[in-house]
Amino acid sequence: MAGDIEVDYSQLEAFSKRMAVMANGGFEQKVATTVKQAGQSLVTAVKSLTPVKSGSLRRQWRLTKIGYGGGAFTVTLSNGAEYASFVESGHRQKVGQYVPAIGKRLVAPWVEGSFMMRDGVKAGMPAATRIIDKGVQQALEEVFGGK
């Protein structure tokens, strides 16, 4: 004696549709948006550590690139000020040279860097990691949680 079995595939079909959207770049796009938010939080951290004289150096920090390759996202922070690398890493100077802008002669052969980029990224990484974790979790919940 054969019995009739009814199977409700509606939930499986809904899950399949969500997976198709995510497989066609939906998941990657959601993660890219999250990575951009995390990158902006790093820009904020770097700006907060940037020394200010006129404010020009601080204003020029930008999140200039978000990339994806090799299974990983990358962000690029940049500063358009010509002298940004010298403030970041330090620089040599000619002892005894007169500098009209400061009205003095230079006395030290080396000016230490501020390392605002290095230290800002290091300080901002915990917050950026939390942003990414939360965004990826939300994206996964949309697929597996049925939202």
N, C-alpha and C. Protein backbone atom coordinates (compact mmCIF):
# COMPACT_ATOMS: atom_id res chain seq x y z
N MET A 1 0.86 -1.16 0.00
CA MET A 1 0.00 0.00 0.00
C MET A 1 0.90 1.23 0.00
N ALA A 2 0.71 2.09 -0.94
CA ALA A 2 1.53 3.28 -1.09
C ALA A 2 0.82 4.46 -0.47
N GLY A 3 1.57 5.27 0.29
CA GLY A 3 0.99 6.47 0.91
C GLY A 3 1.46 7.72 0.19
N ASP A 4 0.62 8.72 0.15
CA ASP A 4 0.99 9.99 -0.48
C ASP A 4 1.75 10.85 0.53
N ILE A 5 2.84 11.40 0.06
CA ILE A 5 3.64 12.28 0.91
C ILE A 5 3.66 13.66 0.27
N GLU A 6 3.34 14.65 1.05
CA GLU A 6 3.39 16.03 0.57
C GLU A 6 4.61 16.71 1.14
N VAL A 7 5.35 17.36 0.27
CA VAL A 7 6.56 18.05 0.69
C VAL A 7 6.41 19.52 0.33
N ASP A 8 6.66 20.38 1.30
CA ASP A 8 6.58 21.84 1.08
C ASP A 8 7.99 22.34 0.79
N TYR A 9 8.21 22.73 -0.45
CA TYR A 9 9.53 23.21 -0.88
C TYR A 9 9.66 24.73 -0.82
N SER A 10 8.69 25.42 -0.31
CA SER A 10 8.69 26.89 -0.37
C SER A 10 9.89 27.51 0.36
N GLN A 11 10.23 26.97 1.50
CA GLN A 11 11.38 27.52 2.23
C GLN A 11 12.68 27.24 1.49
N LEU A 12 12.79 26.07 0.90
CA LEU A 12 13.98 25.72 0.13
C LEU A 12 14.09 26.62 -1.11
N GLU A 13 12.97 26.88 -1.76
CA GLU A 13 12.97 27.76 -2.92
C GLU A 13 13.36 29.19 -2.53
N ALA A 14 12.85 29.68 -1.41
CA ALA A 14 13.20 31.03 -0.94
C ALA A 14 14.70 31.10 -0.61
N PHE A 15 15.21 30.06 0.02
CA PHE A 15 16.64 30.02 0.34
C PHE A 15 17.47 29.99 -0.95
N SER A 16 17.03 29.22 -1.92
CA SER A 16 17.73 29.13 -3.20
C SER A 16 17.78 30.49 -3.89
N LYS A 17 16.70 31.25 -3.82
CA LYS A 17 16.67 32.59 -4.42
C LYS A 17 17.64 33.53 -3.71
N ARG A 18 17.68 33.45 -2.38
CA ARG A 18 18.61 34.29 -1.62
C ARG A 18 20.06 33.93 -1.94
N MET A 19 20.33 32.64 -2.09
CA MET A 19 21.68 32.20 -2.43
C MET A 19 22.07 32.69 -3.83
N ALA A 20 21.13 32.67 -4.76
CA ALA A 20 21.41 33.13 -6.12
C ALA A 20 21.77 34.61 -6.13
N VAL A 21 21.03 35.41 -5.36
CA VAL A 21 21.33 36.85 -5.28
C VAL A 21 22.73 37.05 -4.70
N MET A 22 23.04 36.35 -3.65
CA MET A 22 24.35 36.50 -3.00
C MET A 22 25.47 35.98 -3.90
N ALA A 23 25.21 34.89 -4.63
CA ALA A 23 26.24 34.33 -5.51
C ALA A 23 26.52 35.25 -6.70
N ASN A 24 25.56 36.05 -7.08
CA ASN A 24 25.73 36.96 -8.22
C ASN A 24 26.28 38.32 -7.80
N GLY A 25 27.03 38.36 -6.73
CA GLY A 25 27.70 39.59 -6.32
C GLY A 25 27.02 40.33 -5.19
N GLY A 26 25.87 39.88 -4.77
CA GLY A 26 25.15 40.55 -3.69
C GLY A 26 25.92 40.53 -2.38
N PHE A 27 26.47 39.37 -2.05
CA PHE A 27 27.23 39.25 -0.81
C PHE A 27 28.49 40.11 -0.87
N GLU A 28 29.20 40.01 -2.00
CA GLU A 28 30.43 40.79 -2.15
C GLU A 28 30.14 42.29 -2.06
N GLN A 29 29.03 42.72 -2.65
CA GLN A 29 28.67 44.15 -2.61
C GLN A 29 28.37 44.59 -1.18
N LYS A 30 27.65 43.76 -0.44
CA LYS A 30 27.33 44.10 0.95
C LYS A 30 28.61 44.18 1.79
N VAL A 31 29.52 43.25 1.57
CA VAL A 31 30.79 43.27 2.32
C VAL A 31 31.62 44.48 1.90
N ALA A 32 31.62 44.82 0.61
CA ALA A 32 32.37 45.99 0.13
C ALA A 32 31.85 47.27 0.79
N THR A 33 30.55 47.38 0.95
CA THR A 33 29.96 48.54 1.63
C THR A 33 30.43 48.59 3.08
N THR A 34 30.48 47.44 3.72
CA THR A 34 30.95 47.35 5.10
C THR A 34 32.43 47.71 5.19
N VAL A 35 33.23 47.23 4.25
CA VAL A 35 34.66 47.53 4.23
C VAL A 35 34.88 49.03 4.04
N LYS A 36 34.04 49.66 3.22
CA LYS A 36 34.14 51.11 3.03
C LYS A 36 33.88 51.85 4.34
N GLN A 37 32.87 51.40 5.08
CA GLN A 37 32.58 52.01 6.39
C GLN A 37 33.77 51.82 7.34
N ALA A 38 34.35 50.65 7.33
CA ALA A 38 35.52 50.38 8.19
C ALA A 38 36.69 51.26 7.77
N GLY A 39 36.89 51.42 6.46
CA GLY A 39 37.95 52.29 5.96
C GLY A 39 37.75 53.73 6.38
N GLN A 40 36.51 54.19 6.35
CA GLN A 40 36.23 55.56 6.80
C GLN A 40 36.55 55.73 8.28
N SER A 41 36.30 54.68 9.07
CA SER A 41 36.64 54.78 10.49
C SER A 41 38.16 54.86 10.68
N LEU A 42 38.92 54.20 9.79
CA LEU A 42 40.39 54.31 9.85
C LEU A 42 40.84 55.71 9.46
N VAL A 43 40.20 56.31 8.46
CA VAL A 43 40.53 57.69 8.08
C VAL A 43 40.32 58.61 9.27
N THR A 44 39.22 58.43 9.98
CA THR A 44 38.93 59.25 11.16
C THR A 44 40.01 59.09 12.22
N ALA A 45 40.44 57.84 12.44
CA ALA A 45 41.49 57.58 13.44
C ALA A 45 42.80 58.24 13.03
N VAL A 46 43.15 58.16 11.74
CA VAL A 46 44.40 58.75 11.26
C VAL A 46 44.33 60.27 11.35
N LYS A 47 43.19 60.85 10.97
CA LYS A 47 43.03 62.31 11.06
C LYS A 47 43.22 62.80 12.49
N SER A 48 42.71 62.04 13.44
CA SER A 48 42.79 62.48 14.84
C SER A 48 44.23 62.54 15.33
N LEU A 49 45.13 61.78 14.71
CA LEU A 49 46.54 61.77 15.13
C LEU A 49 47.42 62.66 14.26
N THR A 50 46.84 63.28 13.24
CA THR A 50 47.61 64.12 12.33
C THR A 50 47.88 65.48 12.97
N PRO A 51 49.15 65.91 13.03
CA PRO A 51 49.46 67.20 13.63
C PRO A 51 48.83 68.34 12.81
N VAL A 52 48.44 69.40 13.52
CA VAL A 52 47.75 70.51 12.86
C VAL A 52 48.54 71.80 13.03
N LYS A 53 48.87 72.41 11.92
CA LYS A 53 49.39 73.78 11.93
C LYS A 53 48.37 74.63 11.21
N SER A 54 48.16 74.33 9.93
CA SER A 54 47.15 75.07 9.17
C SER A 54 45.88 74.24 9.00
N GLY A 55 45.95 72.94 9.21
CA GLY A 55 44.82 72.05 9.03
C GLY A 55 44.78 71.40 7.66
N SER A 56 45.65 71.84 6.77
CA SER A 56 45.66 71.32 5.40
C SER A 56 45.99 69.83 5.37
N LEU A 57 46.98 69.41 6.11
CA LEU A 57 47.39 68.01 6.12
C LEU A 57 46.25 67.12 6.63
N ARG A 58 45.60 67.55 7.67
CA ARG A 58 44.50 66.78 8.25
C ARG A 58 43.32 66.67 7.29
N ARG A 59 43.00 67.76 6.61
CA ARG A 59 41.85 67.77 5.70
C ARG A 59 42.05 66.89 4.47
N GLN A 60 43.27 66.58 4.12
CA GLN A 60 43.52 65.87 2.87
C GLN A 60 43.51 64.34 2.97
N TRP A 61 43.25 63.80 4.13
CA TRP A 61 43.17 62.34 4.24
C TRP A 61 41.92 61.84 3.53
N ARG A 62 42.08 60.79 2.72
CA ARG A 62 40.98 60.21 1.95
C ARG A 62 41.09 58.69 1.90
N LEU A 63 39.94 58.06 1.81
CA LEU A 63 39.87 56.65 1.48
C LEU A 63 39.78 56.62 -0.04
N THR A 64 40.88 56.23 -0.71
CA THR A 64 40.93 56.40 -2.16
C THR A 64 40.65 55.13 -2.95
N LYS A 65 40.72 53.98 -2.32
CA LYS A 65 40.51 52.75 -3.09
C LYS A 65 40.04 51.63 -2.18
N ILE A 66 39.08 50.88 -2.69
CA ILE A 66 38.66 49.64 -2.05
C ILE A 66 38.85 48.57 -3.10
N GLY A 67 39.65 47.58 -2.79
CA GLY A 67 39.93 46.54 -3.77
C GLY A 67 39.56 45.17 -3.25
N TYR A 68 39.37 44.26 -4.18
CA TYR A 68 39.08 42.88 -3.83
C TYR A 68 39.91 41.98 -4.73
N GLY A 69 40.65 41.10 -4.13
CA GLY A 69 41.46 40.16 -4.90
C GLY A 69 42.06 39.12 -4.00
N GLY A 70 42.17 37.92 -4.50
CA GLY A 70 42.76 36.84 -3.72
C GLY A 70 41.94 36.50 -2.49
N GLY A 71 40.63 36.75 -2.56
CA GLY A 71 39.76 36.43 -1.44
C GLY A 71 39.80 37.43 -0.30
N ALA A 72 40.39 38.60 -0.54
CA ALA A 72 40.50 39.60 0.53
C ALA A 72 40.19 41.00 -0.01
N PHE A 73 39.60 41.80 0.84
CA PHE A 73 39.38 43.21 0.53
C PHE A 73 40.55 44.02 1.05
N THR A 74 40.90 45.08 0.34
CA THR A 74 41.92 46.01 0.81
C THR A 74 41.38 47.43 0.69
N VAL A 75 41.84 48.30 1.56
CA VAL A 75 41.51 49.71 1.47
C VAL A 75 42.81 50.50 1.38
N THR A 76 42.76 51.61 0.66
CA THR A 76 43.92 52.47 0.52
C THR A 76 43.57 53.84 1.05
N LEU A 77 44.34 54.29 2.03
CA LEU A 77 44.21 55.64 2.56
C LEU A 77 45.32 56.47 1.95
N SER A 78 45.02 57.71 1.60
CA SER A 78 46.07 58.55 1.04
C SER A 78 45.88 59.99 1.48
N ASN A 79 46.97 60.73 1.33
CA ASN A 79 46.96 62.14 1.66
C ASN A 79 47.65 62.87 0.51
N GLY A 80 46.96 63.85 -0.07
CA GLY A 80 47.48 64.55 -1.23
C GLY A 80 48.49 65.63 -0.94
N ALA A 81 48.74 65.91 0.32
CA ALA A 81 49.73 66.95 0.65
C ALA A 81 51.12 66.46 0.27
N GLU A 82 51.87 67.32 -0.42
CA GLU A 82 53.22 66.95 -0.87
C GLU A 82 54.13 66.54 0.29
N TYR A 83 53.92 67.13 1.42
CA TYR A 83 54.82 66.92 2.56
C TYR A 83 54.32 65.85 3.52
N ALA A 84 53.23 65.17 3.21
CA ALA A 84 52.64 64.19 4.13
C ALA A 84 53.63 63.08 4.51
N SER A 85 54.36 62.57 3.53
CA SER A 85 55.30 61.47 3.83
C SER A 85 56.42 61.93 4.75
N PHE A 86 56.82 63.20 4.65
CA PHE A 86 57.88 63.72 5.50
C PHE A 86 57.41 63.88 6.95
N VAL A 87 56.14 64.29 7.10
CA VAL A 87 55.57 64.40 8.45
C VAL A 87 55.38 63.00 9.03
N GLU A 88 54.96 62.07 8.21
CA GLU A 88 54.73 60.70 8.67
C GLU A 88 56.03 60.02 9.10
N SER A 89 57.03 60.05 8.24
CA SER A 89 58.23 59.24 8.46
C SER A 89 59.44 60.00 8.99
N GLY A 90 59.37 61.32 9.01
CA GLY A 90 60.52 62.11 9.41
C GLY A 90 61.34 62.50 8.18
N HIS A 91 62.30 63.39 8.39
CA HIS A 91 63.11 63.83 7.26
C HIS A 91 64.42 64.46 7.74
N ARG A 92 65.38 64.51 6.79
CA ARG A 92 66.65 65.17 7.06
C ARG A 92 66.49 66.66 6.80
N GLN A 93 67.35 67.43 7.39
CA GLN A 93 67.40 68.85 7.09
C GLN A 93 68.83 69.35 7.22
N LYS A 94 69.10 70.44 6.57
CA LYS A 94 70.45 71.00 6.52
C LYS A 94 70.69 71.90 7.73
N VAL A 95 71.55 71.47 8.62
CA VAL A 95 71.85 72.24 9.83
C VAL A 95 72.45 73.59 9.42
N GLY A 96 71.95 74.64 10.04
CA GLY A 96 72.45 75.98 9.78
C GLY A 96 71.69 76.73 8.71
N GLN A 97 70.86 76.03 7.96
CA GLN A 97 70.09 76.70 6.91
C GLN A 97 69.03 77.60 7.53
N TYR A 98 68.92 78.82 7.01
CA TYR A 98 67.92 79.76 7.51
C TYR A 98 66.59 79.49 6.80
N VAL A 99 65.51 79.41 7.60
CA VAL A 99 64.17 79.17 7.05
C VAL A 99 63.31 80.39 7.38
N PRO A 100 63.03 81.23 6.36
CA PRO A 100 62.26 82.46 6.60
C PRO A 100 60.88 82.21 7.20
N ALA A 101 60.24 81.10 6.84
CA ALA A 101 58.88 80.82 7.34
C ALA A 101 58.83 80.72 8.86
N ILE A 102 59.93 80.24 9.47
CA ILE A 102 59.95 80.13 10.94
C ILE A 102 60.89 81.17 11.55
N GLY A 103 61.62 81.86 10.70
CA GLY A 103 62.52 82.92 11.18
C GLY A 103 63.70 82.41 11.98
N LYS A 104 64.14 81.20 11.72
CA LYS A 104 65.24 80.60 12.48
C LYS A 104 66.15 79.80 11.56
N ARG A 105 67.31 79.44 12.12
CA ARG A 105 68.21 78.52 11.44
C ARG A 105 67.94 77.12 11.98
N LEU A 106 68.09 76.14 11.13
CA LEU A 106 67.87 74.75 11.52
C LEU A 106 69.04 74.26 12.37
N VAL A 107 68.73 73.55 13.45
CA VAL A 107 69.78 73.10 14.35
C VAL A 107 69.90 71.57 14.41
N ALA A 108 68.86 70.85 14.06
CA ALA A 108 68.89 69.39 14.14
C ALA A 108 69.01 68.80 12.74
N PRO A 109 69.82 67.77 12.58
CA PRO A 109 69.96 67.15 11.26
C PRO A 109 68.77 66.25 10.89
N TRP A 110 67.96 65.87 11.85
CA TRP A 110 66.84 64.95 11.59
C TRP A 110 65.61 65.40 12.36
N VAL A 111 64.47 65.38 11.70
CA VAL A 111 63.18 65.66 12.34
C VAL A 111 62.41 64.35 12.41
N GLU A 112 62.06 63.95 13.62
CA GLU A 112 61.33 62.69 13.80
C GLU A 112 59.95 62.77 13.16
N GLY A 113 59.48 61.64 12.68
CA GLY A 113 58.15 61.56 12.08
C GLY A 113 57.06 61.51 13.13
N SER A 114 55.85 61.83 12.71
CA SER A 114 54.69 61.77 13.60
C SER A 114 54.04 60.39 13.57
N PHE A 115 54.22 59.64 12.50
CA PHE A 115 53.68 58.29 12.32
C PHE A 115 52.18 58.24 12.55
N MET A 116 51.49 59.29 12.06
CA MET A 116 50.05 59.35 12.25
C MET A 116 49.32 58.26 11.48
N MET A 117 49.82 57.89 10.30
CA MET A 117 49.18 56.83 9.52
C MET A 117 49.38 55.49 10.20
N ARG A 118 50.62 55.18 10.53
CA ARG A 118 50.92 53.89 11.17
C ARG A 118 50.15 53.74 12.48
N ASP A 119 50.24 54.75 13.34
CA ASP A 119 49.62 54.66 14.65
C ASP A 119 48.10 54.78 14.57
N GLY A 120 47.60 55.58 13.61
CA GLY A 120 46.16 55.74 13.46
C GLY A 120 45.49 54.46 12.98
N VAL A 121 46.13 53.79 12.03
CA VAL A 121 45.58 52.52 11.55
C VAL A 121 45.61 51.49 12.67
N LYS A 122 46.71 51.46 13.41
CA LYS A 122 46.83 50.50 14.52
C LYS A 122 45.74 50.77 15.57
N ALA A 123 45.53 52.03 15.90
CA ALA A 123 44.52 52.38 16.90
C ALA A 123 43.10 52.15 16.38
N GLY A 124 42.89 52.34 15.08
CA GLY A 124 41.56 52.22 14.51
C GLY A 124 41.15 50.81 14.12
N MET A 125 42.08 49.88 14.07
CA MET A 125 41.77 48.52 13.63
C MET A 125 40.73 47.79 14.48
N PRO A 126 40.75 47.92 15.81
CA PRO A 126 39.70 47.22 16.57
C PRO A 126 38.29 47.69 16.18
N ALA A 127 38.10 48.98 16.01
CA ALA A 127 36.78 49.49 15.61
C ALA A 127 36.44 49.05 14.20
N ALA A 128 37.41 49.10 13.29
CA ALA A 128 37.18 48.68 11.91
C ALA A 128 36.83 47.19 11.85
N THR A 129 37.50 46.40 12.66
CA THR A 129 37.21 44.96 12.70
C THR A 129 35.80 44.71 13.20
N ARG A 130 35.37 45.47 14.20
CA ARG A 130 33.99 45.31 14.71
C ARG A 130 32.97 45.68 13.62
N ILE A 131 33.24 46.73 12.88
CA ILE A 131 32.34 47.15 11.79
C ILE A 131 32.24 46.04 10.75
N ILE A 132 33.37 45.48 10.37
CA ILE A 132 33.38 44.41 9.37
C ILE A 132 32.67 43.17 9.89
N ASP A 133 32.96 42.78 11.12
CA ASP A 133 32.31 41.60 11.71
C ASP A 133 30.79 41.76 11.70
N LYS A 134 30.32 42.93 12.11
CA LYS A 134 28.88 43.19 12.16
C LYS A 134 28.27 43.15 10.76
N GLY A 135 28.93 43.77 9.79
CA GLY A 135 28.41 43.81 8.42
C GLY A 135 28.36 42.44 7.77
N VAL A 136 29.40 41.64 7.97
CA VAL A 136 29.43 40.29 7.41
C VAL A 136 28.36 39.44 8.08
N GLN A 137 28.21 39.59 9.38
CA GLN A 137 27.18 38.84 10.11
C GLN A 137 25.79 39.18 9.57
N GLN A 138 25.52 40.47 9.32
CA GLN A 138 24.22 40.87 8.78
C GLN A 138 24.01 40.30 7.38
N ALA A 139 25.05 40.32 6.56
CA ALA A 139 24.93 39.78 5.20
C ALA A 139 24.65 38.27 5.25
N LEU A 140 25.31 37.58 6.14
CA LEU A 140 25.08 36.13 6.27
C LEU A 140 23.69 35.83 6.81
N GLU A 141 23.21 36.66 7.72
CA GLU A 141 21.86 36.46 8.25
C GLU A 141 20.81 36.65 7.17
N GLU A 142 21.07 37.52 6.21
CA GLU A 142 20.13 37.71 5.11
C GLU A 142 20.01 36.45 4.27
N VAL A 143 21.10 35.72 4.13
CA VAL A 143 21.06 34.48 3.35
C VAL A 143 20.51 33.33 4.20
N PHE A 144 21.10 33.13 5.35
CA PHE A 144 20.76 31.95 6.14
C PHE A 144 19.63 32.17 7.14
N GLY A 145 19.36 33.44 7.44
CA GLY A 145 18.30 33.73 8.41
C GLY A 145 16.97 34.01 7.76
N GLY A 146 16.98 34.17 6.44
CA GLY A 146 15.72 34.38 5.73
C GLY A 146 15.19 35.79 5.79
N LYS A 147 16.03 36.77 6.10
CA LYS A 147 15.54 38.15 6.19
C LYS A 147 15.49 38.79 4.84
